Each structure stands twice: as C-alpha cells, then as structure tokens.
Amino acid sequence: MDQQDDKQDRINLIMTLRSKGILDGEVLNAIELTPRHRFVSEAFREYAYRDMALPIGEGQTIPEPYIVAKICEALWLKEECRVLVIGTGSGYLAAVLAKIARRIYTVENQRSLMVAAEKRFQDLELHNIATLVGNGWQGWLEQGPFDRIVIAAGVDDLPIGLYEQLRPKGIIVYPQTQEDGSQHLIVLRNYEDRPDIKTLGESHFSLLSKD
C-alpha cells in the first residue's frame, strides 16, 4: 500500500466515522494512528480503511472501524484504565485501545490468531498489551479486577465470571444475541446499588467459544 494513499485512506475513514456520529477526539486519533492494513491479509489490504468487517482466518473477522470506535466511546476510557479484551482476533481492537488506556490484557482461544496478533503488537511497539491463549469465558482472573472489559464475541448472556472481574463503577461492553437471532451491543456500568444497562445498536460478532 502506497504511503500517500494510506494517509489519505485514514483521513477518509475518520471523516466517515465523524459522519456516523463518532465525535470523541481521543478515539478518532487512536483509530487514525493505528495502521489497520497491518491487521488484515494482503488479499484485503485495499479494503483496510473502508468501514467494513474483513475476514482474518479461522472463521473470524476484524470488526468494522465504526463498531471499534463505538466500543471505545462507550468505555469512557481514562489514561489509567486497565482493560480486558476477550477475543483478540487480529489484535486491531486491542491496538486501538492501547493508544488510549494504560494497560491492555487480551485473551484468545485460537493460538494461531494470537501468534499473529503478538507479532503485530511487537512490530508496532505496543508494549502495554499483555496476551493469554485461553478460554475467554474465564477471563484473566490473575490480572483482575479490571476497570473496563470488552467481549469481542457474541454471547447469549454475560458470563458471570467476567462480570466478577470488573471493578466497582467499571464498564463492560459485549454483543448479546437476542431471541430473534439478532445481536445487540450492550453497555453495562457496574454501579454499587445496581448495574445500569443500555443498548448501543446492532453488531455482528462471531460467537464466543466456551472451549
């Protein structure tokens, strides 16, 4: 990909996200600084900065930038936040989050995807990302609790083990499968008296494996 084309493609992507209502300057800056073309295969490089999901192998996809931006905005990230990402995939979401938050912990159950993601993190000098190959349903108990949690895979219900790893007043974002088969992005804020839950809109993540 030509460097000049890459720069213009990134600018065009940011303009697209703004037109869709993404206004958080820190989130937009993180997405602009993250080279999405490094997270997709050569066959899909020309589509890297379009607002669309792309296949990454193992039946998985890299989410569209709009969904990534929507998740980042919903997390209300602060610089000191420790964030757990369930479902590393290509590593793109974790890489964007790493531009904003202090420390990212990410879990992936498919070793081949994690090996590729770790290489990208190393090449991009993203030293604030820690990785684990394991069962996403179990989270990363040894590193918890976390200020923010993202489940980047669809679930029928929020796994209680992950909820228990969220700090008081923390935020968790996850795609929940509805009775009609659709999937909605859910934001839960862990208030002391009761959780506050709202829906952000439809999403299209692969299902979270229990294995």
Protein backbone atom coordinates (compact mmCIF):
# COMPACT_ATOMS: atom_id res chain seq x y z
CA MET A 1 0.00 0.00 0.00
CA ASP A 2 1.43 3.37 -1.05
CA GLN A 3 2.21 5.57 1.97
CA GLN A 4 0.43 8.60 0.50
CA ASP A 5 -2.65 6.52 -0.34
CA ASP A 6 -2.56 5.10 3.18
CA LYS A 7 -2.56 8.58 4.70
CA GLN A 8 -5.50 9.72 2.57
CA ASP A 9 -7.39 6.49 3.27
CA ARG A 10 -7.02 7.06 7.01
CA ILE A 11 -8.28 10.63 6.68
CA ASN A 12 -11.25 9.42 4.66
CA LEU A 13 -12.03 6.80 7.31
CA ILE A 14 -12.01 9.41 10.08
CA MET A 15 -14.36 11.59 8.04
CA THR A 16 -16.68 8.60 7.60
CA LEU A 17 -16.68 7.91 11.33
CA ARG A 18 -17.43 11.56 12.09
CA SER A 19 -20.35 11.47 9.67
CA LYS A 20 -21.71 8.46 11.58
CA GLY A 21 -21.62 10.32 14.90
CA ILE A 22 -18.22 9.41 16.36
CA LEU A 23 -17.06 12.65 17.93
CA ASP A 24 -14.59 11.66 20.67
CA GLY A 25 -11.31 13.19 19.53
CA GLU A 26 -9.16 10.74 21.50
CA VAL A 27 -10.92 7.75 19.95
CA LEU A 28 -10.67 9.18 16.44
CA ASN A 29 -6.98 9.94 16.96
CA ALA A 30 -6.31 6.39 18.17
CA ILE A 31 -8.01 4.92 15.10
CA GLU A 32 -6.15 7.27 12.76
CA LEU A 33 -2.82 6.29 14.35
CA THR A 34 -3.49 2.55 14.17
CA PRO A 35 -2.43 1.07 10.80
CA ARG A 36 -5.43 -1.18 10.10
CA HIS A 37 -3.79 -2.53 6.94
CA ARG A 38 -1.27 -4.30 9.20
CA PHE A 39 -4.11 -6.34 10.73
CA VAL A 40 -5.53 -7.84 7.53
CA SER A 41 -4.09 -10.20 4.93
CA GLU A 42 -2.50 -8.94 1.73
CA ALA A 43 -5.59 -10.01 -0.21
CA PHE A 44 -7.73 -7.47 1.65
CA ARG A 45 -5.25 -4.60 2.04
CA GLU A 46 -7.08 -2.38 -0.45
CA TYR A 47 -10.18 -2.53 1.78
CA ALA A 48 -8.33 -1.95 5.06
CA TYR A 49 -9.58 1.62 5.61
CA ARG A 50 -13.13 1.06 4.49
CA ASP A 51 -15.73 0.85 7.22
CA MET A 52 -16.35 -2.85 6.86
CA ALA A 53 -15.55 -6.13 8.58
CA LEU A 54 -12.92 -8.30 6.85
CA PRO A 55 -12.01 -11.99 7.22
CA ILE A 56 -8.85 -12.83 9.17
CA GLY A 57 -8.98 -16.63 9.06
CA GLU A 58 -10.19 -19.28 11.49
CA GLY A 59 -13.75 -18.22 10.72
CA GLN A 60 -13.12 -14.82 12.37
CA THR A 61 -13.29 -11.22 11.16
CA ILE A 62 -11.73 -7.90 12.02
CA PRO A 63 -14.65 -5.64 13.06
CA GLU A 64 -15.57 -2.55 11.12
CA PRO A 65 -13.90 0.63 12.45
CA TYR A 66 -17.27 2.17 13.35
CA ILE A 67 -18.00 -0.65 15.82
CA VAL A 68 -14.48 -0.36 17.25
CA ALA A 69 -14.98 3.39 17.69
CA LYS A 70 -18.43 2.88 19.22
CA ILE A 71 -16.99 0.42 21.74
CA CYS A 72 -14.15 2.79 22.64
CA GLU A 73 -16.55 5.68 23.18
CA ALA A 74 -18.85 3.53 25.33
CA LEU A 75 -15.96 2.51 27.59
CA TRP A 76 -15.32 6.11 28.71
CA LEU A 77 -11.63 5.31 28.82
CA LYS A 78 -9.22 7.12 31.10
CA GLU A 79 -5.45 7.00 30.73
CA GLU A 80 -5.05 4.94 33.92
CA CYS A 81 -7.57 2.25 32.87
CA ARG A 82 -6.70 -1.44 32.82
CA VAL A 83 -8.75 -3.07 30.06
CA LEU A 84 -9.52 -6.73 29.45
CA VAL A 85 -10.34 -7.73 25.85
CA ILE A 86 -11.92 -11.14 25.33
CA GLY A 87 -11.42 -12.33 21.76
CA THR A 88 -8.14 -10.90 20.47
CA GLY A 89 -8.76 -11.86 16.84
CA SER A 90 -6.43 -9.85 14.62
CA GLY A 91 -5.46 -7.63 17.55
CA TYR A 92 -6.90 -4.47 15.98
CA LEU A 93 -9.30 -3.59 18.80
CA ALA A 94 -6.60 -4.12 21.43
CA ALA A 95 -4.18 -1.98 19.41
CA VAL A 96 -6.64 0.92 19.23
CA LEU A 97 -7.38 0.64 22.96
CA ALA A 98 -3.64 0.59 23.68
CA LYS A 99 -3.37 4.11 22.24
CA ILE A 100 -5.74 5.38 24.94
CA ALA A 101 -5.55 3.21 28.08
CA ARG A 102 -2.56 2.40 30.29
CA ARG A 103 -2.64 -1.40 30.06
CA ILE A 104 -4.49 -3.89 27.83
CA TYR A 105 -4.93 -7.57 28.68
CA THR A 106 -6.29 -9.71 25.86
CA VAL A 107 -7.38 -13.36 25.72
CA GLU A 108 -7.78 -15.51 22.60
CA ASN A 109 -8.58 -19.23 22.44
CA GLN A 110 -7.08 -19.81 18.98
CA ARG A 111 -3.31 -19.91 19.23
CA SER A 112 -2.71 -19.19 15.52
CA LEU A 113 -4.60 -15.90 15.76
CA MET A 114 -2.78 -14.92 18.95
CA VAL A 115 0.66 -15.67 17.49
CA ALA A 116 -0.13 -13.39 14.52
CA ALA A 117 -1.53 -10.68 16.80
CA GLU A 118 1.51 -10.80 19.09
CA LYS A 119 3.78 -10.30 16.08
CA ARG A 120 1.77 -7.21 15.09
CA PHE A 121 1.94 -5.81 18.63
CA GLN A 122 5.71 -6.35 18.66
CA ASP A 123 6.24 -4.78 15.23
CA LEU A 124 4.14 -1.74 16.22
CA GLU A 125 5.95 -1.46 19.60
CA LEU A 126 2.72 -1.75 21.56
CA HIS A 127 4.42 -2.76 24.80
CA ASN A 128 1.39 -2.10 27.01
CA ILE A 129 -0.51 -5.16 25.72
CA ALA A 130 -0.34 -8.48 27.61
CA THR A 131 -1.65 -11.62 25.91
CA LEU A 132 -3.02 -15.00 27.00
CA VAL A 133 -4.11 -18.02 24.98
CA GLY A 134 -7.04 -19.44 26.92
CA ASN A 135 -10.77 -19.71 27.46
CA GLY A 136 -12.36 -16.28 27.15
CA TRP A 137 -15.30 -17.30 29.36
CA GLN A 138 -12.88 -17.49 32.27
CA GLY A 139 -11.34 -14.08 31.64
CA TRP A 140 -7.94 -13.48 33.25
CA LEU A 141 -8.53 -13.83 36.97
CA GLU A 142 -4.87 -13.45 37.95
CA GLN A 143 -4.68 -9.97 36.40
CA GLY A 144 -8.07 -8.70 37.57
CA PRO A 145 -10.01 -6.82 38.59
CA PHE A 146 -10.27 -4.59 35.54
CA ASP A 147 -11.57 -1.05 35.05
CA ARG A 148 -13.07 -1.94 31.67
CA ILE A 149 -13.90 -5.20 29.87
CA VAL A 150 -14.76 -5.79 26.21
CA ILE A 151 -16.11 -9.08 24.92
CA ALA A 152 -15.38 -9.03 21.20
CA ALA A 153 -17.55 -12.07 20.51
CA GLY A 154 -21.27 -12.75 20.77
CA VAL A 155 -22.78 -14.25 23.94
CA ASP A 156 -26.31 -15.24 24.92
CA ASP A 157 -25.76 -13.88 28.41
CA LEU A 158 -22.94 -12.05 30.15
CA PRO A 159 -20.59 -14.69 31.68
CA ILE A 160 -20.78 -14.22 35.45
CA GLY A 161 -17.06 -14.97 35.78
CA LEU A 162 -16.22 -11.96 33.63
CA TYR A 163 -18.64 -9.69 35.45
CA GLU A 164 -16.96 -10.64 38.73
CA GLN A 165 -13.62 -9.45 37.33
CA LEU A 166 -14.99 -5.92 36.77
CA ARG A 167 -14.18 -3.24 39.33
CA PRO A 168 -16.98 -1.33 41.06
CA LYS A 169 -18.04 1.55 38.77
CA GLY A 170 -16.34 -0.26 35.88
CA ILE A 171 -17.81 -0.69 32.40
CA ILE A 172 -18.23 -3.81 30.29
CA VAL A 173 -19.27 -3.86 26.61
CA TYR A 174 -20.44 -7.05 24.94
CA PRO A 175 -22.51 -8.25 21.95
CA GLN A 176 -25.59 -10.14 23.16
CA THR A 177 -27.63 -12.47 20.97
CA GLN A 178 -31.35 -11.67 21.08
CA GLU A 179 -34.32 -14.03 20.92
CA ASP A 180 -34.92 -13.16 17.25
CA GLY A 181 -31.34 -14.12 16.36
CA SER A 182 -30.06 -10.56 16.01
CA GLN A 183 -27.14 -9.27 18.03
CA HIS A 184 -27.04 -6.03 20.02
CA LEU A 185 -24.06 -4.26 21.54
CA ILE A 186 -24.70 -3.88 25.29
CA VAL A 187 -23.05 -1.48 27.74
CA LEU A 188 -23.17 -2.34 31.45
CA ARG A 189 -21.97 0.06 34.13
CA ASN A 190 -21.21 -1.63 37.43
CA TYR A 191 -22.81 0.75 39.94
CA GLU A 192 -22.86 -0.35 43.57
CA ASP A 193 -26.63 -0.41 44.01
CA ARG A 194 -27.47 -1.99 40.64
CA PRO A 195 -25.97 -2.40 37.16
CA ASP A 196 -27.01 0.18 34.57
CA ILE A 197 -27.58 -1.41 31.14
CA LYS A 198 -28.21 0.17 27.76
CA THR A 199 -28.12 -0.91 24.12
CA LEU A 200 -25.90 0.77 21.53
CA GLY A 201 -27.36 -0.88 18.44
CA GLU A 202 -26.80 -3.93 16.28
CA SER A 203 -23.48 -5.75 15.95
CA HIS A 204 -22.21 -8.78 14.03
CA PHE A 205 -19.52 -10.54 16.05
CA SER A 206 -18.74 -14.25 15.85
CA LEU A 207 -19.93 -16.27 18.85
CA LEU A 208 -17.66 -16.68 21.88
CA SER A 209 -16.49 -20.27 22.15
CA LYS A 210 -16.87 -22.00 25.54
CA ASP A 211 -13.95 -24.33 24.77
